[in-house]
């Protein structure tokens, strides 16, 4: 097998993109970003907030010297969906080479990290010597199901809210008993049904990501509140409670929009001979310390005029 090949292809150097809104940016959050200059800012990162919608795609031209098997890695940061992941289809020369490169997950991280295709057991991807087109396409993956569940819950919550304020008004009189559980048959069961759906979705997403983040925590909080409403329907005649219910609907609606947008910052794509080590993507403590000292000293010597 061919060995010894290691090449980085800068993410900001795009070949093609699905939208003119997809752009690169200059960042200095790490001295290991490429390219990096101690004196000035340089364009070095594909801006993840610019290709967040399903269907957005970007492509690069990569080149290998000889026919052989290679491992692919992406230096990335995904700090858009806390506790969740962004999904991308990986295409080479316009096709997904094998099923495992469909909906590849880039997990949440506030630091730069290396995503190797295949993770602990890197995929050996066969490439012929010469140039190839590598494409990453934004896809919803499991979030499509989540969005459907959440949209259904919002629809049911809106119907409940309208049924309630039709009787109580938007500002209920807390000293009056509206007998909501009698006037609106099955109201408690309706709250319980929505609550159970949201709890199930939190569990499903948490099992997928092996963690809980702020995004799923919001769904869980709303589920608990809906559960509390089902156990005490009369509490909804309190102004604060009915207002909180209205806020829950708005919050869940905004989460639908949030989960439908999956950002992904990229520094570079690494292509190495199968079995070889990926490039180091973060500085050590001392490298970071020395880099920050150099940045500090350079700030005094630079003539901005």
C-alpha atoms as a PDB file:
ATOM      1  CA  UNK A   1       0.000   0.000   0.000  1.00  0.00           C
ATOM      2  CA  UNK A   2       1.137   3.532  -0.742  1.00  0.00           C
ATOM      3  CA  UNK A   3       2.559   5.236   2.375  1.00  0.00           C
ATOM      4  CA  UNK A   4       3.981   8.565   3.383  1.00  0.00           C
ATOM      5  CA  UNK A   5       1.442  10.879   1.763  1.00  0.00           C
ATOM      6  CA  UNK A   6       0.076  13.701   3.925  1.00  0.00           C
ATOM      7  CA  UNK A   7      -1.507  16.813   2.493  1.00  0.00           C
ATOM      8  CA  UNK A   8      -3.742  19.594   3.809  1.00  0.00           C
ATOM      9  CA  UNK A   9      -6.294  21.342   1.624  1.00  0.00           C
ATOM     10  CA  UNK A  10      -7.412  24.684   3.032  1.00  0.00           C
ATOM     11  CA  UNK A  11     -11.177  24.922   3.612  1.00  0.00           C
ATOM     12  CA  UNK A  12     -11.313  28.589   2.612  1.00  0.00           C
ATOM     13  CA  UNK A  13     -10.011  27.715  -0.864  1.00  0.00           C
ATOM     14  CA  UNK A  14     -13.328  26.537  -2.291  1.00  0.00           C
ATOM     15  CA  UNK A  15     -13.727  25.175  -5.785  1.00  0.00           C
ATOM     16  CA  UNK A  16     -17.504  25.597  -5.887  1.00  0.00           C
ATOM     17  CA  UNK A  17     -20.375  26.399  -3.514  1.00  0.00           C
ATOM     18  CA  UNK A  18     -24.152  26.266  -3.617  1.00  0.00           C
ATOM     19  CA  UNK A  19     -24.663  29.917  -2.680  1.00  0.00           C
ATOM     20  CA  UNK A  20     -22.809  33.210  -2.919  1.00  0.00           C
ATOM     21  CA  UNK A  21     -23.688  33.709   0.768  1.00  0.00           C
ATOM     22  CA  UNK A  22     -21.180  30.985   1.705  1.00  0.00           C
ATOM     23  CA  UNK A  23     -17.962  32.811   2.576  1.00  0.00           C
ATOM     24  CA  UNK A  24     -14.717  32.414   4.486  1.00  0.00           C
ATOM     25  CA  UNK A  25     -13.496  34.547   7.349  1.00  0.00           C
ATOM     26  CA  UNK A  26     -10.322  35.587   9.177  1.00  0.00           C
ATOM     27  CA  UNK A  27      -9.894  34.144  12.649  1.00  0.00           C
ATOM     28  CA  UNK A  28      -7.105  34.219  15.238  1.00  0.00           C
ATOM     29  CA  UNK A  29      -8.594  31.969  17.954  1.00  0.00           C
ATOM     30  CA  UNK A  30      -5.680  29.529  17.599  1.00  0.00           C
ATOM     31  CA  UNK A  31      -2.116  29.875  16.369  1.00  0.00           C
ATOM     32  CA  UNK A  32      -2.597  26.473  14.657  1.00  0.00           C
ATOM     33  CA  UNK A  33      -5.207  27.854  12.254  1.00  0.00           C
ATOM     34  CA  UNK A  34      -3.912  27.827   8.679  1.00  0.00           C
ATOM     35  CA  UNK A  35      -2.800  30.152   7.292  1.00  0.00           C
ATOM     36  CA  UNK A  36      -1.858  32.163  10.402  1.00  0.00           C
ATOM     37  CA  UNK A  37       0.085  35.412  10.601  1.00  0.00           C
ATOM     38  CA  UNK A  38       1.286  37.015  13.836  1.00  0.00           C
ATOM     39  CA  UNK A  39       1.177  40.493  12.321  1.00  0.00           C
ATOM     40  CA  UNK A  40      -2.214  40.585  10.616  1.00  0.00           C
ATOM     41  CA  UNK A  41      -5.463  38.721  10.101  1.00  0.00           C
ATOM     42  CA  UNK A  42      -5.660  36.334   7.166  1.00  0.00           C
ATOM     43  CA  UNK A  43      -8.629  34.542   5.623  1.00  0.00           C
ATOM     44  CA  UNK A  44      -8.270  31.052   7.052  1.00  0.00           C
ATOM     45  CA  UNK A  45     -11.657  29.538   8.047  1.00  0.00           C
ATOM     46  CA  UNK A  46     -14.774  28.502   6.134  1.00  0.00           C
ATOM     47  CA  UNK A  47     -17.474  30.337   8.107  1.00  0.00           C
ATOM     48  CA  UNK A  48     -19.863  27.709   9.497  1.00  0.00           C
ATOM     49  CA  UNK A  49     -22.686  30.198   9.987  1.00  0.00           C
ATOM     50  CA  UNK A  50     -22.811  30.715   6.208  1.00  0.00           C
ATOM     51  CA  UNK A  51     -23.789  27.170   5.186  1.00  0.00           C
ATOM     52  CA  UNK A  52     -26.325  26.202   7.812  1.00  0.00           C
ATOM     53  CA  UNK A  53     -29.370  25.307   5.721  1.00  0.00           C
ATOM     54  CA  UNK A  54     -30.239  21.802   4.472  1.00  0.00           C
ATOM     55  CA  UNK A  55     -29.007  21.425   0.900  1.00  0.00           C
ATOM     56  CA  UNK A  56     -26.118  23.884   1.238  1.00  0.00           C
ATOM     57  CA  UNK A  57     -22.903  22.402  -0.127  1.00  0.00           C
ATOM     58  CA  UNK A  58     -19.257  23.266  -0.734  1.00  0.00           C
ATOM     59  CA  UNK A  59     -16.563  21.485  -2.742  1.00  0.00           C
ATOM     60  CA  UNK A  60     -12.791  21.480  -3.004  1.00  0.00           C
ATOM     61  CA  UNK A  61     -10.264  20.105  -5.430  1.00  0.00           C
ATOM     62  CA  UNK A  62      -7.942  17.603  -3.765  1.00  0.00           C
ATOM     63  CA  UNK A  63      -5.015  15.788  -5.352  1.00  0.00           C
ATOM     64  CA  UNK A  64      -3.091  12.633  -4.468  1.00  0.00           C
ATOM     65  CA  UNK A  65       0.131  11.434  -6.050  1.00  0.00           C
ATOM     66  CA  UNK A  66      -0.580   7.738  -6.576  1.00  0.00           C
ATOM     67  CA  UNK A  67      -3.404   5.197  -6.672  1.00  0.00           C
ATOM     68  CA  UNK A  68      -4.029   3.895  -3.180  1.00  0.00           C
ATOM     69  CA  UNK A  69      -6.056   3.950   0.026  1.00  0.00           C
ATOM     70  CA  UNK A  70      -6.295   7.155   2.025  1.00  0.00           C
ATOM     71  CA  UNK A  71      -7.813   8.429   5.276  1.00  0.00           C
ATOM     72  CA  UNK A  72      -9.687  11.733   5.264  1.00  0.00           C
ATOM     73  CA  UNK A  73      -9.929  14.114   8.208  1.00  0.00           C
ATOM     74  CA  UNK A  74     -11.541  17.496   8.754  1.00  0.00           C
ATOM     75  CA  UNK A  75     -10.271  20.084  11.217  1.00  0.00           C
ATOM     76  CA  UNK A  76     -13.565  21.526  12.426  1.00  0.00           C
ATOM     77  CA  UNK A  77     -15.445  23.357  15.159  1.00  0.00           C
ATOM     78  CA  UNK A  78     -19.160  22.858  15.718  1.00  0.00           C
ATOM     79  CA  UNK A  79     -20.319  25.225  18.458  1.00  0.00           C
ATOM     80  CA  UNK A  80     -23.742  25.892  16.925  1.00  0.00           C
ATOM     81  CA  UNK A  81     -25.869  23.064  18.393  1.00  0.00           C
ATOM     82  CA  UNK A  82     -24.973  22.490  22.038  1.00  0.00           C
ATOM     83  CA  UNK A  83     -24.941  18.780  22.847  1.00  0.00           C
ATOM     84  CA  UNK A  84     -26.031  17.801  19.331  1.00  0.00           C
ATOM     85  CA  UNK A  85     -24.290  17.466  15.972  1.00  0.00           C
ATOM     86  CA  UNK A  86     -24.208  18.820  12.428  1.00  0.00           C
ATOM     87  CA  UNK A  87     -24.617  16.291   9.619  1.00  0.00           C
ATOM     88  CA  UNK A  88     -22.945  16.242   6.223  1.00  0.00           C
ATOM     89  CA  UNK A  89     -22.978  13.888   3.244  1.00  0.00           C
ATOM     90  CA  UNK A  90     -19.448  13.271   1.936  1.00  0.00           C
ATOM     91  CA  UNK A  91     -19.186  13.015  -1.844  1.00  0.00           C
ATOM     92  CA  UNK A  92     -16.116  12.267  -3.959  1.00  0.00           C
ATOM     93  CA  UNK A  93     -16.356  13.131  -7.645  1.00  0.00           C
ATOM     94  CA  UNK A  94     -20.100  13.675  -7.283  1.00  0.00           C
ATOM     95  CA  UNK A  95     -20.937  10.373  -5.580  1.00  0.00           C
ATOM     96  CA  UNK A  96     -21.102   9.041  -2.023  1.00  0.00           C
ATOM     97  CA  UNK A  97     -18.489   6.218  -2.181  1.00  0.00           C
ATOM     98  CA  UNK A  98     -20.225   4.020   0.422  1.00  0.00           C
ATOM     99  CA  UNK A  99     -23.152   4.189   2.862  1.00  0.00           C
ATOM    100  CA  UNK A 100     -21.068   5.186   5.902  1.00  0.00           C
ATOM    101  CA  UNK A 101     -20.290   8.533   4.276  1.00  0.00           C
ATOM    102  CA  UNK A 102     -23.978   9.476   4.333  1.00  0.00           C
ATOM    103  CA  UNK A 103     -24.960  11.852   7.160  1.00  0.00           C
ATOM    104  CA  UNK A 104     -21.564  11.964   8.872  1.00  0.00           C
ATOM    105  CA  UNK A 105     -21.914  13.558  12.317  1.00  0.00           C
ATOM    106  CA  UNK A 106     -19.739  16.443  13.499  1.00  0.00           C
ATOM    107  CA  UNK A 107     -20.264  16.548  17.257  1.00  0.00           C
ATOM    108  CA  UNK A 108     -20.517  19.676  19.376  1.00  0.00           C
ATOM    109  CA  UNK A 109     -17.186  21.207  20.403  1.00  0.00           C
ATOM    110  CA  UNK A 110     -16.142  24.724  21.317  1.00  0.00           C
ATOM    111  CA  UNK A 111     -12.518  23.891  20.475  1.00  0.00           C
ATOM    112  CA  UNK A 112     -10.987  22.944  17.147  1.00  0.00           C
ATOM    113  CA  UNK A 113     -10.976  19.173  16.669  1.00  0.00           C
ATOM    114  CA  UNK A 114     -10.103  16.573  14.042  1.00  0.00           C
ATOM    115  CA  UNK A 115     -12.975  14.544  12.608  1.00  0.00           C
ATOM    116  CA  UNK A 116     -11.532  11.463  10.910  1.00  0.00           C
ATOM    117  CA  UNK A 117     -13.977   9.631   8.652  1.00  0.00           C
ATOM    118  CA  UNK A 118     -14.494   6.326  10.439  1.00  0.00           C
ATOM    119  CA  UNK A 119     -13.389   7.767  13.815  1.00  0.00           C
ATOM    120  CA  UNK A 120     -11.431   5.095  15.768  1.00  0.00           C
ATOM    121  CA  UNK A 121     -11.382   2.789  12.742  1.00  0.00           C
ATOM    122  CA  UNK A 122     -10.644   5.178   9.859  1.00  0.00           C
ATOM    123  CA  UNK A 123     -12.180   4.302   6.521  1.00  0.00           C
ATOM    124  CA  UNK A 124      -9.623   3.388   3.868  1.00  0.00           C
ATOM    125  CA  UNK A 125     -10.911   5.322   0.849  1.00  0.00           C
ATOM    126  CA  UNK A 126      -9.506   4.324  -2.530  1.00  0.00           C
ATOM    127  CA  UNK A 127      -8.392   7.242  -4.704  1.00  0.00           C
ATOM    128  CA  UNK A 128      -6.700   7.106  -8.083  1.00  0.00           C
ATOM    129  CA  UNK A 129      -3.640   9.289  -8.544  1.00  0.00           C
ATOM    130  CA  UNK A 130      -4.533  12.805  -9.653  1.00  0.00           C
ATOM    131  CA  UNK A 131      -7.241  15.352  -8.922  1.00  0.00           C
ATOM    132  CA  UNK A 132     -10.646  14.690  -7.315  1.00  0.00           C
ATOM    133  CA  UNK A 133     -13.627  16.797  -6.258  1.00  0.00           C
ATOM    134  CA  UNK A 134     -14.543  16.501  -2.553  1.00  0.00           C
ATOM    135  CA  UNK A 135     -17.991  17.802  -1.584  1.00  0.00           C
ATOM    136  CA  UNK A 136     -19.721  18.263   1.776  1.00  0.00           C
ATOM    137  CA  UNK A 137     -23.504  18.660   1.693  1.00  0.00           C
ATOM    138  CA  UNK A 138     -25.634  19.852   4.617  1.00  0.00           C
ATOM    139  CA  UNK A 139     -28.343  17.294   5.506  1.00  0.00           C
ATOM    140  CA  UNK A 140     -30.902  17.129   8.336  1.00  0.00           C
ATOM    141  CA  UNK A 141     -30.496  13.413   9.150  1.00  0.00           C
ATOM    142  CA  UNK A 142     -32.291  12.571  12.442  1.00  0.00           C
ATOM    143  CA  UNK A 143     -33.350  16.171  12.935  1.00  0.00           C
ATOM    144  CA  UNK A 144     -35.945  15.770  10.183  1.00  0.00           C
ATOM    145  CA  UNK A 145     -37.870  13.419  12.472  1.00  0.00           C
ATOM    146  CA  UNK A 146     -37.280  15.721  15.444  1.00  0.00           C
ATOM    147  CA  UNK A 147     -38.635  18.711  13.560  1.00  0.00           C
ATOM    148  CA  UNK A 148     -41.757  16.777  12.572  1.00  0.00           C
ATOM    149  CA  UNK A 149     -42.384  15.799  16.202  1.00  0.00           C
ATOM    150  CA  UNK A 150     -41.794  19.339  17.443  1.00  0.00           C
ATOM    151  CA  UNK A 151     -44.031  20.877  14.774  1.00  0.00           C
ATOM    152  CA  UNK A 152     -46.802  18.458  15.743  1.00  0.00           C
ATOM    153  CA  UNK A 153     -46.358  19.393  19.415  1.00  0.00           C
ATOM    154  CA  UNK A 154     -46.504  23.127  18.637  1.00  0.00           C
ATOM    155  CA  UNK A 155     -49.694  22.573  16.636  1.00  0.00           C
ATOM    156  CA  UNK A 156     -51.313  20.679  19.536  1.00  0.00           C
ATOM    157  CA  UNK A 157     -50.082  23.247  22.110  1.00  0.00           C
ATOM    158  CA  UNK A 158     -51.544  26.106  20.043  1.00  0.00           C
ATOM    159  CA  UNK A 159     -54.889  24.301  19.864  1.00  0.00           C
ATOM    160  CA  UNK A 160     -54.856  23.811  23.659  1.00  0.00           C
ATOM    161  CA  UNK A 161     -53.944  27.438  24.293  1.00  0.00           C
ATOM    162  CA  UNK A 162     -56.779  28.697  22.080  1.00  0.00           C
ATOM    163  CA  UNK A 163     -59.256  26.348  23.779  1.00  0.00           C
ATOM    164  CA  UNK A 164     -58.195  27.675  27.190  1.00  0.00           C
ATOM    165  CA  UNK A 165     -58.210  31.414  26.475  1.00  0.00           C
ATOM    166  CA  UNK A 166     -61.540  31.050  24.705  1.00  0.00           C
ATOM    167  CA  UNK A 167     -62.925  30.351  28.191  1.00  0.00           C
ATOM    168  CA  UNK A 168     -60.585  32.292  30.480  1.00  0.00           C
ATOM    169  CA  UNK A 169     -59.443  35.136  28.241  1.00  0.00           C
ATOM    170  CA  UNK A 170     -55.762  36.006  27.927  1.00  0.00           C
ATOM    171  CA  UNK A 171     -55.754  37.390  31.496  1.00  0.00           C
ATOM    172  CA  UNK A 172     -57.743  34.959  33.684  1.00  0.00           C
ATOM    173  CA  UNK A 173     -59.291  35.977  37.009  1.00  0.00           C
ATOM    174  CA  UNK A 174     -57.333  33.851  39.507  1.00  0.00           C
ATOM    175  CA  UNK A 175     -60.159  34.116  42.081  1.00  0.00           C
ATOM    176  CA  UNK A 176     -62.625  32.432  39.744  1.00  0.00           C
ATOM    177  CA  UNK A 177     -63.005  28.713  39.007  1.00  0.00           C
ATOM    178  CA  UNK A 178     -63.369  28.099  35.287  1.00  0.00           C
ATOM    179  CA  UNK A 179     -63.766  24.278  35.592  1.00  0.00           C
ATOM    180  CA  UNK A 180     -61.427  23.803  32.651  1.00  0.00           C
ATOM    181  CA  UNK A 181     -61.205  20.025  33.062  1.00  0.00           C
ATOM    182  CA  UNK A 182     -64.988  19.823  32.685  1.00  0.00           C
ATOM    183  CA  UNK A 183     -65.489  22.448  29.983  1.00  0.00           C
ATOM    184  CA  UNK A 184     -62.605  21.100  27.841  1.00  0.00           C
ATOM    185  CA  UNK A 185     -62.976  17.296  27.820  1.00  0.00           C
ATOM    186  CA  UNK A 186     -59.653  15.405  27.876  1.00  0.00           C
ATOM    187  CA  UNK A 187     -57.534  18.526  28.491  1.00  0.00           C
ATOM    188  CA  UNK A 188     -55.284  16.753  30.993  1.00  0.00           C
ATOM    189  CA  UNK A 189     -54.700  13.831  28.625  1.00  0.00           C
ATOM    190  CA  UNK A 190     -53.846  16.253  25.803  1.00  0.00           C
ATOM    191  CA  UNK A 191     -51.105  17.872  27.919  1.00  0.00           C
ATOM    192  CA  UNK A 192     -49.799  14.429  28.929  1.00  0.00           C
ATOM    193  CA  UNK A 193     -49.635  13.273  25.299  1.00  0.00           C
ATOM    194  CA  UNK A 194     -47.524  16.271  24.222  1.00  0.00           C
ATOM    195  CA  UNK A 195     -45.292  15.956  27.279  1.00  0.00           C
ATOM    196  CA  UNK A 196     -44.603  12.280  26.584  1.00  0.00           C
ATOM    197  CA  UNK A 197     -43.754  13.038  22.941  1.00  0.00           C
ATOM    198  CA  UNK A 198     -41.171  15.647  23.961  1.00  0.00           C
ATOM    199  CA  UNK A 199     -39.654  13.401  26.651  1.00  0.00           C
ATOM    200  CA  UNK A 200     -39.326  10.597  24.068  1.00  0.00           C
ATOM    201  CA  UNK A 201     -37.620  12.954  21.617  1.00  0.00           C
ATOM    202  CA  UNK A 202     -35.143  14.137  24.280  1.00  0.00           C
ATOM    203  CA  UNK A 203     -34.289  10.501  25.043  1.00  0.00           C
ATOM    204  CA  UNK A 204     -33.872   9.637  21.345  1.00  0.00           C
ATOM    205  CA  UNK A 205     -31.559  12.583  20.647  1.00  0.00           C
ATOM    206  CA  UNK A 206     -29.551  11.995  23.831  1.00  0.00           C
ATOM    207  CA  UNK A 207     -28.988   8.359  22.872  1.00  0.00           C
ATOM    208  CA  UNK A 208     -27.789   9.479  19.431  1.00  0.00           C
ATOM    209  CA  UNK A 209     -25.306  11.998  20.814  1.00  0.00           C
ATOM    210  CA  UNK A 210     -24.445  10.142  24.055  1.00  0.00           C
ATOM    211  CA  UNK A 211     -24.859  13.491  25.854  1.00  0.00           C
ATOM    212  CA  UNK A 212     -27.343  16.168  26.831  1.00  0.00           C
ATOM    213  CA  UNK A 213     -26.858  19.790  25.825  1.00  0.00           C
ATOM    214  CA  UNK A 214     -28.734  23.053  26.137  1.00  0.00           C
ATOM    215  CA  UNK A 215     -30.832  22.316  23.025  1.00  0.00           C
ATOM    216  CA  UNK A 216     -32.327  19.091  24.418  1.00  0.00           C
ATOM    217  CA  UNK A 217     -32.498  20.638  27.912  1.00  0.00           C
ATOM    218  CA  UNK A 218     -34.985  23.217  26.598  1.00  0.00           C
ATOM    219  CA  UNK A 219     -37.218  20.451  25.205  1.00  0.00           C
ATOM    220  CA  UNK A 220     -37.007  18.611  28.517  1.00  0.00           C
ATOM    221  CA  UNK A 221     -37.936  21.738  30.504  1.00  0.00           C
ATOM    222  CA  UNK A 222     -41.007  22.304  28.332  1.00  0.00           C
ATOM    223  CA  UNK A 223     -41.993  18.630  28.707  1.00  0.00           C
ATOM    224  CA  UNK A 224     -41.790  18.906  32.516  1.00  0.00           C
ATOM    225  CA  UNK A 225     -43.915  22.067  32.497  1.00  0.00           C
ATOM    226  CA  UNK A 226     -46.562  20.451  30.292  1.00  0.00           C
ATOM    227  CA  UNK A 227     -46.576  17.472  32.660  1.00  0.00           C
ATOM    228  CA  UNK A 228     -47.166  19.822  35.598  1.00  0.00           C
ATOM    229  CA  UNK A 229     -50.091  21.448  33.747  1.00  0.00           C
ATOM    230  CA  UNK A 230     -51.689  18.042  33.183  1.00  0.00           C
ATOM    231  CA  UNK A 231     -51.469  17.315  36.923  1.00  0.00           C
ATOM    232  CA  UNK A 232     -53.005  20.648  37.924  1.00  0.00           C
ATOM    233  CA  UNK A 233     -55.266  22.041  35.218  1.00  0.00           C
ATOM    234  CA  UNK A 234     -56.715  24.696  37.549  1.00  0.00           C
ATOM    235  CA  UNK A 235     -53.266  26.313  37.817  1.00  0.00           C
ATOM    236  CA  UNK A 236     -53.709  27.533  34.232  1.00  0.00           C
ATOM    237  CA  UNK A 237     -56.188  30.136  35.502  1.00  0.00           C
ATOM    238  CA  UNK A 238     -53.183  31.890  37.048  1.00  0.00           C
ATOM    239  CA  UNK A 239     -51.875  34.720  34.836  1.00  0.00           C
ATOM    240  CA  UNK A 240     -48.257  33.635  35.251  1.00  0.00           C
ATOM    241  CA  UNK A 241     -49.011  30.018  34.305  1.00  0.00           C
ATOM    242  CA  UNK A 242     -51.008  30.800  31.163  1.00  0.00           C
ATOM    243  CA  UNK A 243     -48.325  33.312  30.170  1.00  0.00           C
ATOM    244  CA  UNK A 244     -45.630  30.645  30.733  1.00  0.00           C
ATOM    245  CA  UNK A 245     -47.576  28.242  28.540  1.00  0.00           C
ATOM    246  CA  UNK A 246     -47.682  30.838  25.753  1.00  0.00           C
ATOM    247  CA  UNK A 247     -43.913  31.364  26.162  1.00  0.00           C
ATOM    248  CA  UNK A 248     -43.351  27.599  25.878  1.00  0.00           C
ATOM    249  CA  UNK A 249     -45.085  27.598  22.499  1.00  0.00           C
ATOM    250  CA  UNK A 250     -42.895  30.462  21.288  1.00  0.00           C
ATOM    251  CA  UNK A 251     -39.729  28.792  22.640  1.00  0.00           C
ATOM    252  CA  UNK A 252     -40.493  25.453  21.005  1.00  0.00           C
ATOM    253  CA  UNK A 253     -41.247  27.207  17.713  1.00  0.00           C
ATOM    254  CA  UNK A 254     -37.871  28.960  17.828  1.00  0.00           C
ATOM    255  CA  UNK A 255     -36.116  25.638  18.558  1.00  0.00           C
ATOM    256  CA  UNK A 256     -37.607  24.217  15.363  1.00  0.00           C
ATOM    257  CA  UNK A 257     -35.830  26.971  13.458  1.00  0.00           C
ATOM    258  CA  UNK A 258     -32.593  26.447  15.430  1.00  0.00           C
ATOM    259  CA  UNK A 259     -32.424  22.681  14.888  1.00  0.00           C
ATOM    260  CA  UNK A 260     -33.113  23.124  11.194  1.00  0.00           C
ATOM    261  CA  UNK A 261     -29.869  25.067  10.820  1.00  0.00           C
ATOM    262  CA  UNK A 262     -26.594  23.209  11.262  1.00  0.00           C
ATOM    263  CA  UNK A 263     -23.395  25.215  11.182  1.00  0.00           C
ATOM    264  CA  UNK A 264     -19.871  23.858  10.756  1.00  0.00           C
ATOM    265  CA  UNK A 265     -16.597  25.816  10.793  1.00  0.00           C
ATOM    266  CA  UNK A 266     -13.724  24.233   8.837  1.00  0.00           C
ATOM    267  CA  UNK A 267     -10.005  25.035   8.838  1.00  0.00           C
ATOM    268  CA  UNK A 268      -8.668  22.375   6.458  1.00  0.00           C
ATOM    269  CA  UNK A 269      -9.158  18.888   5.032  1.00  0.00           C
ATOM    270  CA  UNK A 270      -6.356  16.397   5.675  1.00  0.00           C
ATOM    271  CA  UNK A 271      -5.664  13.521   3.285  1.00  0.00           C
ATOM    272  CA  UNK A 272      -3.116  10.960   4.489  1.00  0.00           C
ATOM    273  CA  UNK A 273      -2.050   7.490   3.423  1.00  0.00           C
ATOM    274  CA  UNK A 274      -4.252   4.852   5.088  1.00  0.00           C
ATOM    275  CA  UNK A 275      -2.914   4.076   8.558  1.00  0.00           C
ATOM    276  CA  UNK A 276      -0.723   7.168   8.820  1.00  0.00           C
ATOM    277  CA  UNK A 277      -1.218   9.792  11.521  1.00  0.00           C
ATOM    278  CA  UNK A 278      -3.425  12.830  11.020  1.00  0.00           C
ATOM    279  CA  UNK A 279      -1.863  16.277  11.465  1.00  0.00           C
ATOM    280  CA  UNK A 280      -1.877  17.720  14.967  1.00  0.00           C
ATOM    281  CA  UNK A 281      -4.714  20.240  15.050  1.00  0.00           C
ATOM    282  CA  UNK A 282      -4.174  22.041  18.374  1.00  0.00           C
ATOM    283  CA  UNK A 283      -1.078  23.526  20.041  1.00  0.00           C
ATOM    284  CA  UNK A 284       0.311  22.134  23.283  1.00  0.00           C
ATOM    285  CA  UNK A 285       0.146  24.264  26.435  1.00  0.00           C
ATOM    286  CA  UNK A 286       3.674  25.617  25.875  1.00  0.00           C
ATOM    287  CA  UNK A 287       3.131  26.207  22.149  1.00  0.00           C
ATOM    288  CA  UNK A 288      -0.021  28.160  22.990  1.00  0.00           C
ATOM    289  CA  UNK A 289       1.800  30.128  25.715  1.00  0.00           C
ATOM    290  CA  UNK A 290       4.714  31.020  23.448  1.00  0.00           C
ATOM    291  CA  UNK A 291       2.319  31.886  20.619  1.00  0.00           C
ATOM    292  CA  UNK A 292       0.338  34.264  22.833  1.00  0.00           C
ATOM    293  CA  UNK A 293       3.555  35.926  24.037  1.00  0.00           C
ATOM    294  CA  UNK A 294       4.655  36.387  20.432  1.00  0.00           C
ATOM    295  CA  UNK A 295       1.229  37.837  19.519  1.00  0.00           C
ATOM    296  CA  UNK A 296       1.532  40.257  22.431  1.00  0.00           C
ATOM    297  CA  UNK A 297       5.039  41.384  21.489  1.00  0.00           C
ATOM    298  CA  UNK A 298       4.161  41.696  17.795  1.00  0.00           C
ATOM    299  CA  UNK A 299       1.311  44.058  18.677  1.00  0.00           C
ATOM    300  CA  UNK A 300       3.940  46.629  19.816  1.00  0.00           C
ATOM    301  CA  UNK A 301       6.131  46.375  16.712  1.00  0.00           C
ATOM    302  CA  UNK A 302       3.421  46.491  14.028  1.00  0.00           C
ATOM    303  CA  UNK A 303       3.060  49.860  12.255  1.00  0.00           C
ATOM    304  CA  UNK A 304      -0.638  50.122  11.467  1.00  0.00           C
ATOM    305  CA  UNK A 305      -0.177  53.398   9.613  1.00  0.00           C
END
